[in-house]
Amino acid sequence: MFRTVITKDELEEAKNDGVDKIEVVGELADKLKKAQKVSRIGKVGLATLTGILGAAAVTAPVTGGLSFAFAAPAAAMTGVGMAAIIAASALGIALVIAVFKDYEVIEYSRGTLKLRRRQSNA
């Protein structure tokens, strides 16, 4: 099964449906590729990141944007760049982690990210 997605909701649906190959296009592809770094941090880094972002969500401006005041310390504490943290928070950290847990990148060029479902070892 193959599916092309443009929106975050379409990506989440394709992942939940267990699609074998997903082609992410447009701005979503670039954001997801940037956010991939967040999926590689350990449990302690992830706990730190979610704690900081939880505080950011409570104090976020009405626009809903992640403030650099929160992204900078999160980047310093986790070793993940601010661009990756901002991209991941925009997409949803849980979704980013879930996608890269179940899928591997097989190709990326600006505006296009191709993912393949990882083979289970069972």
N, C-alpha and C. Protein backbone atom coordinates (compact mmCIF):
# COMPACT_ATOMS: atom_id res chain seq x y z
N MET A 1 0.83 -1.18 0.00
CA MET A 1 0.00 0.00 0.00
C MET A 1 0.88 1.25 0.00
N PHE A 2 0.49 2.25 -0.78
CA PHE A 2 1.23 3.49 -0.91
C PHE A 2 0.26 4.66 -0.76
N ARG A 3 0.69 5.71 -0.07
CA ARG A 3 -0.17 6.89 0.08
C ARG A 3 0.68 8.15 0.06
N THR A 4 0.18 9.18 -0.62
CA THR A 4 0.80 10.50 -0.61
C THR A 4 0.00 11.37 0.36
N VAL A 5 0.73 12.10 1.23
CA VAL A 5 0.06 12.94 2.22
C VAL A 5 0.60 14.36 2.14
N ILE A 6 -0.28 15.31 2.45
CA ILE A 6 0.10 16.73 2.43
C ILE A 6 -0.09 17.36 3.80
N THR A 7 -1.00 16.82 4.59
CA THR A 7 -1.32 17.43 5.88
C THR A 7 -0.93 16.51 7.03
N LYS A 8 -0.83 17.10 8.19
CA LYS A 8 -0.52 16.36 9.42
C LYS A 8 -1.57 15.29 9.68
N ASP A 9 -2.84 15.63 9.47
CA ASP A 9 -3.92 14.67 9.70
C ASP A 9 -3.82 13.48 8.73
N GLU A 10 -3.48 13.75 7.47
CA GLU A 10 -3.31 12.67 6.50
C GLU A 10 -2.13 11.77 6.88
N LEU A 11 -1.04 12.38 7.39
CA LEU A 11 0.12 11.61 7.83
C LEU A 11 -0.26 10.70 8.98
N GLU A 12 -0.96 11.25 9.94
CA GLU A 12 -1.37 10.46 11.11
C GLU A 12 -2.28 9.31 10.69
N GLU A 13 -3.19 9.58 9.77
CA GLU A 13 -4.11 8.56 9.29
C GLU A 13 -3.35 7.45 8.54
N ALA A 14 -2.40 7.82 7.70
CA ALA A 14 -1.61 6.84 6.95
C ALA A 14 -0.81 5.97 7.91
N LYS A 15 -0.21 6.59 8.92
CA LYS A 15 0.56 5.85 9.92
C LYS A 15 -0.35 4.88 10.67
N ASN A 16 -1.50 5.37 11.12
CA ASN A 16 -2.44 4.52 11.87
C ASN A 16 -3.01 3.38 11.02
N ASP A 17 -3.12 3.62 9.70
CA ASP A 17 -3.61 2.59 8.79
C ASP A 17 -2.53 1.56 8.45
N GLY A 18 -1.28 1.83 8.86
CA GLY A 18 -0.19 0.90 8.59
C GLY A 18 0.22 0.86 7.13
N VAL A 19 0.09 1.99 6.44
CA VAL A 19 0.48 2.06 5.04
C VAL A 19 1.96 1.69 4.90
N ASP A 20 2.30 0.89 3.89
CA ASP A 20 3.67 0.42 3.71
C ASP A 20 4.64 1.53 3.31
N LYS A 21 4.22 2.38 2.38
CA LYS A 21 5.06 3.49 1.92
C LYS A 21 4.24 4.77 1.94
N ILE A 22 4.87 5.81 2.49
CA ILE A 22 4.21 7.12 2.58
C ILE A 22 5.12 8.14 1.91
N GLU A 23 4.55 8.93 1.03
CA GLU A 23 5.27 10.04 0.44
C GLU A 23 4.67 11.31 1.03
N VAL A 24 5.49 12.04 1.77
CA VAL A 24 5.06 13.29 2.39
C VAL A 24 5.54 14.41 1.47
N VAL A 25 4.64 15.32 1.10
CA VAL A 25 5.01 16.37 0.16
C VAL A 25 4.74 17.75 0.73
N GLY A 26 5.43 18.71 0.15
CA GLY A 26 5.25 20.11 0.52
C GLY A 26 5.96 20.49 1.80
N GLU A 27 5.45 21.51 2.44
CA GLU A 27 6.03 22.04 3.67
C GLU A 27 6.07 20.99 4.77
N LEU A 28 5.09 20.11 4.80
CA LEU A 28 5.05 19.04 5.80
C LEU A 28 6.28 18.14 5.70
N ALA A 29 6.73 17.86 4.49
CA ALA A 29 7.91 17.01 4.29
C ALA A 29 9.14 17.65 4.93
N ASP A 30 9.31 18.94 4.71
CA ASP A 30 10.47 19.64 5.25
C ASP A 30 10.43 19.74 6.77
N LYS A 31 9.24 20.01 7.31
CA LYS A 31 9.09 20.08 8.77
C LYS A 31 9.34 18.71 9.41
N LEU A 32 8.81 17.67 8.80
CA LEU A 32 8.98 16.32 9.35
C LEU A 32 10.45 15.90 9.32
N LYS A 33 11.14 16.22 8.25
CA LYS A 33 12.57 15.88 8.16
C LYS A 33 13.36 16.62 9.24
N LYS A 34 13.06 17.91 9.46
CA LYS A 34 13.73 18.66 10.52
C LYS A 34 13.43 18.05 11.88
N ALA A 35 12.19 17.67 12.08
CA ALA A 35 11.74 17.14 13.37
C ALA A 35 12.29 15.75 13.65
N GLN A 36 12.81 15.06 12.65
CA GLN A 36 13.32 13.69 12.81
C GLN A 36 14.35 13.61 13.94
N LYS A 37 15.14 14.65 14.13
CA LYS A 37 16.18 14.65 15.18
C LYS A 37 15.57 14.43 16.56
N VAL A 38 14.37 14.92 16.77
CA VAL A 38 13.71 14.78 18.07
C VAL A 38 13.41 13.32 18.35
N SER A 39 13.15 12.54 17.32
CA SER A 39 12.82 11.12 17.52
C SER A 39 14.03 10.31 17.98
N ARG A 40 15.21 10.90 17.90
CA ARG A 40 16.44 10.17 18.25
C ARG A 40 16.94 10.45 19.66
N ILE A 41 16.29 11.35 20.38
CA ILE A 41 16.78 11.64 21.73
C ILE A 41 16.32 10.56 22.69
N GLY A 42 17.07 10.36 23.75
CA GLY A 42 16.74 9.33 24.73
C GLY A 42 15.57 9.71 25.62
N LYS A 43 15.24 8.81 26.53
CA LYS A 43 14.09 9.01 27.43
C LYS A 43 14.26 10.23 28.32
N VAL A 44 15.47 10.45 28.84
CA VAL A 44 15.70 11.60 29.72
C VAL A 44 15.55 12.89 28.94
N GLY A 45 16.15 12.92 27.74
CA GLY A 45 16.03 14.10 26.89
C GLY A 45 14.59 14.36 26.50
N LEU A 46 13.86 13.30 26.22
CA LEU A 46 12.46 13.44 25.85
C LEU A 46 11.63 13.96 27.03
N ALA A 47 11.91 13.47 28.23
CA ALA A 47 11.21 13.95 29.42
C ALA A 47 11.50 15.43 29.65
N THR A 48 12.76 15.81 29.47
CA THR A 48 13.14 17.22 29.61
C THR A 48 12.41 18.07 28.58
N LEU A 49 12.43 17.61 27.35
CA LEU A 49 11.80 18.35 26.26
C LEU A 49 10.30 18.52 26.50
N THR A 50 9.62 17.43 26.85
CA THR A 50 8.18 17.53 27.06
C THR A 50 7.85 18.39 28.28
N GLY A 51 8.71 18.37 29.29
CA GLY A 51 8.50 19.24 30.45
C GLY A 51 8.60 20.70 30.08
N ILE A 52 9.62 21.03 29.31
CA ILE A 52 9.81 22.42 28.88
C ILE A 52 8.68 22.85 27.95
N LEU A 53 8.33 21.97 27.01
CA LEU A 53 7.26 22.32 26.07
C LEU A 53 5.91 22.38 26.75
N GLY A 54 5.74 21.58 27.81
CA GLY A 54 4.50 21.67 28.59
C GLY A 54 4.37 23.04 29.22
N ALA A 55 5.45 23.56 29.76
CA ALA A 55 5.45 24.91 30.33
C ALA A 55 5.22 25.95 29.25
N ALA A 56 5.80 25.71 28.07
CA ALA A 56 5.63 26.64 26.96
C ALA A 56 4.17 26.68 26.51
N ALA A 57 3.50 25.53 26.52
CA ALA A 57 2.09 25.48 26.10
C ALA A 57 1.20 26.27 27.05
N VAL A 58 1.51 26.20 28.32
CA VAL A 58 0.72 26.92 29.32
C VAL A 58 0.90 28.42 29.18
N THR A 59 2.11 28.84 28.84
CA THR A 59 2.39 30.27 28.77
C THR A 59 2.44 30.81 27.35
N ALA A 60 2.09 29.97 26.37
CA ALA A 60 2.18 30.37 24.96
C ALA A 60 1.24 31.52 24.66
N PRO A 61 1.64 32.38 23.75
CA PRO A 61 0.75 33.45 23.33
C PRO A 61 -0.47 32.88 22.61
N VAL A 62 -1.47 33.68 22.44
CA VAL A 62 -2.71 33.25 21.79
C VAL A 62 -2.45 32.70 20.40
N THR A 63 -1.38 33.13 19.75
CA THR A 63 -1.07 32.65 18.40
C THR A 63 -0.70 31.19 18.39
N GLY A 64 -0.34 30.63 19.56
CA GLY A 64 -0.02 29.22 19.64
C GLY A 64 1.40 28.89 19.23
N GLY A 65 2.21 29.88 18.96
CA GLY A 65 3.59 29.64 18.55
C GLY A 65 4.48 29.28 19.72
N LEU A 66 5.51 28.48 19.43
CA LEU A 66 6.48 28.13 20.46
C LEU A 66 7.48 29.27 20.55
N SER A 67 7.63 29.81 21.72
CA SER A 67 8.54 30.93 21.93
C SER A 67 9.98 30.47 21.90
N PHE A 68 10.85 31.31 21.33
CA PHE A 68 12.28 31.02 21.35
C PHE A 68 12.79 30.99 22.79
N ALA A 69 12.08 31.65 23.69
CA ALA A 69 12.47 31.63 25.10
C ALA A 69 12.40 30.22 25.67
N PHE A 70 11.53 29.39 25.12
CA PHE A 70 11.42 27.99 25.57
C PHE A 70 12.22 27.06 24.67
N ALA A 71 12.29 27.36 23.38
CA ALA A 71 13.00 26.50 22.43
C ALA A 71 14.50 26.49 22.71
N ALA A 72 15.06 27.64 23.06
CA ALA A 72 16.51 27.72 23.29
C ALA A 72 16.97 26.84 24.46
N PRO A 73 16.33 26.93 25.65
CA PRO A 73 16.76 26.04 26.73
C PRO A 73 16.50 24.56 26.41
N ALA A 74 15.42 24.28 25.71
CA ALA A 74 15.12 22.89 25.34
C ALA A 74 16.21 22.36 24.41
N ALA A 75 16.66 23.20 23.48
CA ALA A 75 17.72 22.80 22.56
C ALA A 75 19.02 22.56 23.31
N ALA A 76 19.33 23.44 24.24
CA ALA A 76 20.56 23.30 25.01
C ALA A 76 20.55 22.05 25.89
N MET A 77 19.42 21.77 26.50
CA MET A 77 19.33 20.64 27.44
C MET A 77 19.25 19.28 26.74
N THR A 78 18.74 19.25 25.53
CA THR A 78 18.56 17.97 24.84
C THR A 78 19.59 17.73 23.75
N GLY A 79 20.28 18.77 23.33
CA GLY A 79 21.25 18.63 22.26
C GLY A 79 20.62 18.60 20.87
N VAL A 80 19.34 18.90 20.80
CA VAL A 80 18.62 18.94 19.53
C VAL A 80 18.45 20.40 19.16
N GLY A 81 18.63 20.74 17.90
CA GLY A 81 18.54 22.13 17.46
C GLY A 81 17.16 22.74 17.63
N MET A 82 17.15 24.07 17.73
CA MET A 82 15.87 24.78 17.90
C MET A 82 14.93 24.55 16.73
N ALA A 83 15.45 24.50 15.51
CA ALA A 83 14.60 24.29 14.34
C ALA A 83 13.88 22.95 14.43
N ALA A 84 14.59 21.92 14.90
CA ALA A 84 13.98 20.59 15.04
C ALA A 84 12.91 20.60 16.12
N ILE A 85 13.19 21.28 17.23
CA ILE A 85 12.21 21.35 18.33
C ILE A 85 10.97 22.11 17.91
N ILE A 86 11.16 23.21 17.22
CA ILE A 86 10.01 24.01 16.77
C ILE A 86 9.19 23.21 15.76
N ALA A 87 9.86 22.53 14.82
CA ALA A 87 9.15 21.71 13.83
C ALA A 87 8.39 20.58 14.50
N ALA A 88 9.04 19.91 15.46
CA ALA A 88 8.40 18.79 16.15
C ALA A 88 7.21 19.25 16.97
N SER A 89 7.34 20.40 17.63
CA SER A 89 6.22 20.88 18.44
C SER A 89 5.06 21.30 17.55
N ALA A 90 5.36 21.81 16.35
CA ALA A 90 4.29 22.19 15.43
C ALA A 90 3.53 20.96 14.91
N LEU A 91 4.26 19.87 14.71
CA LEU A 91 3.62 18.64 14.20
C LEU A 91 3.04 17.79 15.31
N GLY A 92 3.59 17.94 16.50
CA GLY A 92 3.21 17.09 17.63
C GLY A 92 4.31 16.07 17.87
N ILE A 93 4.95 16.18 19.00
CA ILE A 93 6.09 15.32 19.30
C ILE A 93 5.70 13.85 19.29
N ALA A 94 4.55 13.52 19.81
CA ALA A 94 4.11 12.12 19.83
C ALA A 94 3.99 11.57 18.41
N LEU A 95 3.45 12.37 17.50
CA LEU A 95 3.31 11.92 16.11
C LEU A 95 4.69 11.73 15.46
N VAL A 96 5.59 12.68 15.68
CA VAL A 96 6.94 12.59 15.10
C VAL A 96 7.63 11.32 15.58
N ILE A 97 7.58 11.07 16.87
CA ILE A 97 8.23 9.88 17.44
C ILE A 97 7.59 8.61 16.89
N ALA A 98 6.27 8.59 16.83
CA ALA A 98 5.57 7.41 16.33
C ALA A 98 5.89 7.13 14.86
N VAL A 99 5.96 8.18 14.04
CA VAL A 99 6.26 8.00 12.62
C VAL A 99 7.65 7.42 12.45
N PHE A 100 8.64 8.00 13.13
CA PHE A 100 10.01 7.53 12.93
C PHE A 100 10.32 6.23 13.68
N LYS A 101 9.45 5.85 14.60
CA LYS A 101 9.59 4.53 15.23
C LYS A 101 9.14 3.45 14.25
N ASP A 102 8.09 3.74 13.50
CA ASP A 102 7.50 2.75 12.59
C ASP A 102 8.02 2.83 11.15
N TYR A 103 8.62 3.97 10.78
CA TYR A 103 9.04 4.19 9.39
C TYR A 103 10.48 4.66 9.31
N GLU A 104 11.12 4.30 8.21
CA GLU A 104 12.47 4.78 7.94
C GLU A 104 12.43 5.66 6.70
N VAL A 105 13.32 6.64 6.66
CA VAL A 105 13.42 7.53 5.51
C VAL A 105 14.16 6.78 4.41
N ILE A 106 13.55 6.72 3.24
CA ILE A 106 14.25 6.08 2.12
C ILE A 106 14.74 7.12 1.12
N GLU A 107 14.16 8.31 1.16
CA GLU A 107 14.60 9.36 0.25
C GLU A 107 14.07 10.70 0.74
N TYR A 108 14.91 11.73 0.61
CA TYR A 108 14.47 13.08 0.95
C TYR A 108 15.09 14.07 -0.02
N SER A 109 14.26 14.95 -0.52
CA SER A 109 14.71 16.14 -1.23
C SER A 109 13.70 17.22 -0.86
N ARG A 110 14.12 18.44 -0.94
CA ARG A 110 13.25 19.54 -0.48
C ARG A 110 11.83 19.38 -1.02
N GLY A 111 10.88 19.32 -0.09
CA GLY A 111 9.48 19.20 -0.46
C GLY A 111 8.97 17.78 -0.66
N THR A 112 9.85 16.79 -0.53
CA THR A 112 9.44 15.39 -0.70
C THR A 112 10.21 14.51 0.27
N LEU A 113 9.47 13.76 1.07
CA LEU A 113 10.07 12.82 2.02
C LEU A 113 9.37 11.48 1.82
N LYS A 114 10.16 10.45 1.48
CA LYS A 114 9.58 9.12 1.25
C LYS A 114 9.94 8.23 2.43
N LEU A 115 8.92 7.60 2.98
CA LEU A 115 9.07 6.73 4.15
C LEU A 115 8.64 5.32 3.81
N ARG A 116 9.33 4.35 4.42
CA ARG A 116 8.96 2.94 4.24
C ARG A 116 8.76 2.34 5.63
N ARG A 117 7.70 1.57 5.76
CA ARG A 117 7.39 0.92 7.04
C ARG A 117 8.52 -0.03 7.41
N ARG A 118 8.97 0.04 8.65
CA ARG A 118 10.03 -0.85 9.12
C ARG A 118 9.50 -2.28 9.20
N GLN A 119 10.36 -3.23 8.89
CA GLN A 119 10.00 -4.64 8.98
C GLN A 119 10.02 -5.06 10.45
N SER A 120 9.02 -5.79 10.86
CA SER A 120 9.01 -6.27 12.26
C SER A 120 9.95 -7.47 12.36
N ASN A 121 10.54 -7.61 13.53
CA ASN A 121 11.48 -8.71 13.76
C ASN A 121 10.79 -9.95 14.32
N ALA A 122 9.48 -9.94 14.35
CA ALA A 122 8.74 -11.04 14.97
C ALA A 122 8.63 -12.23 14.05
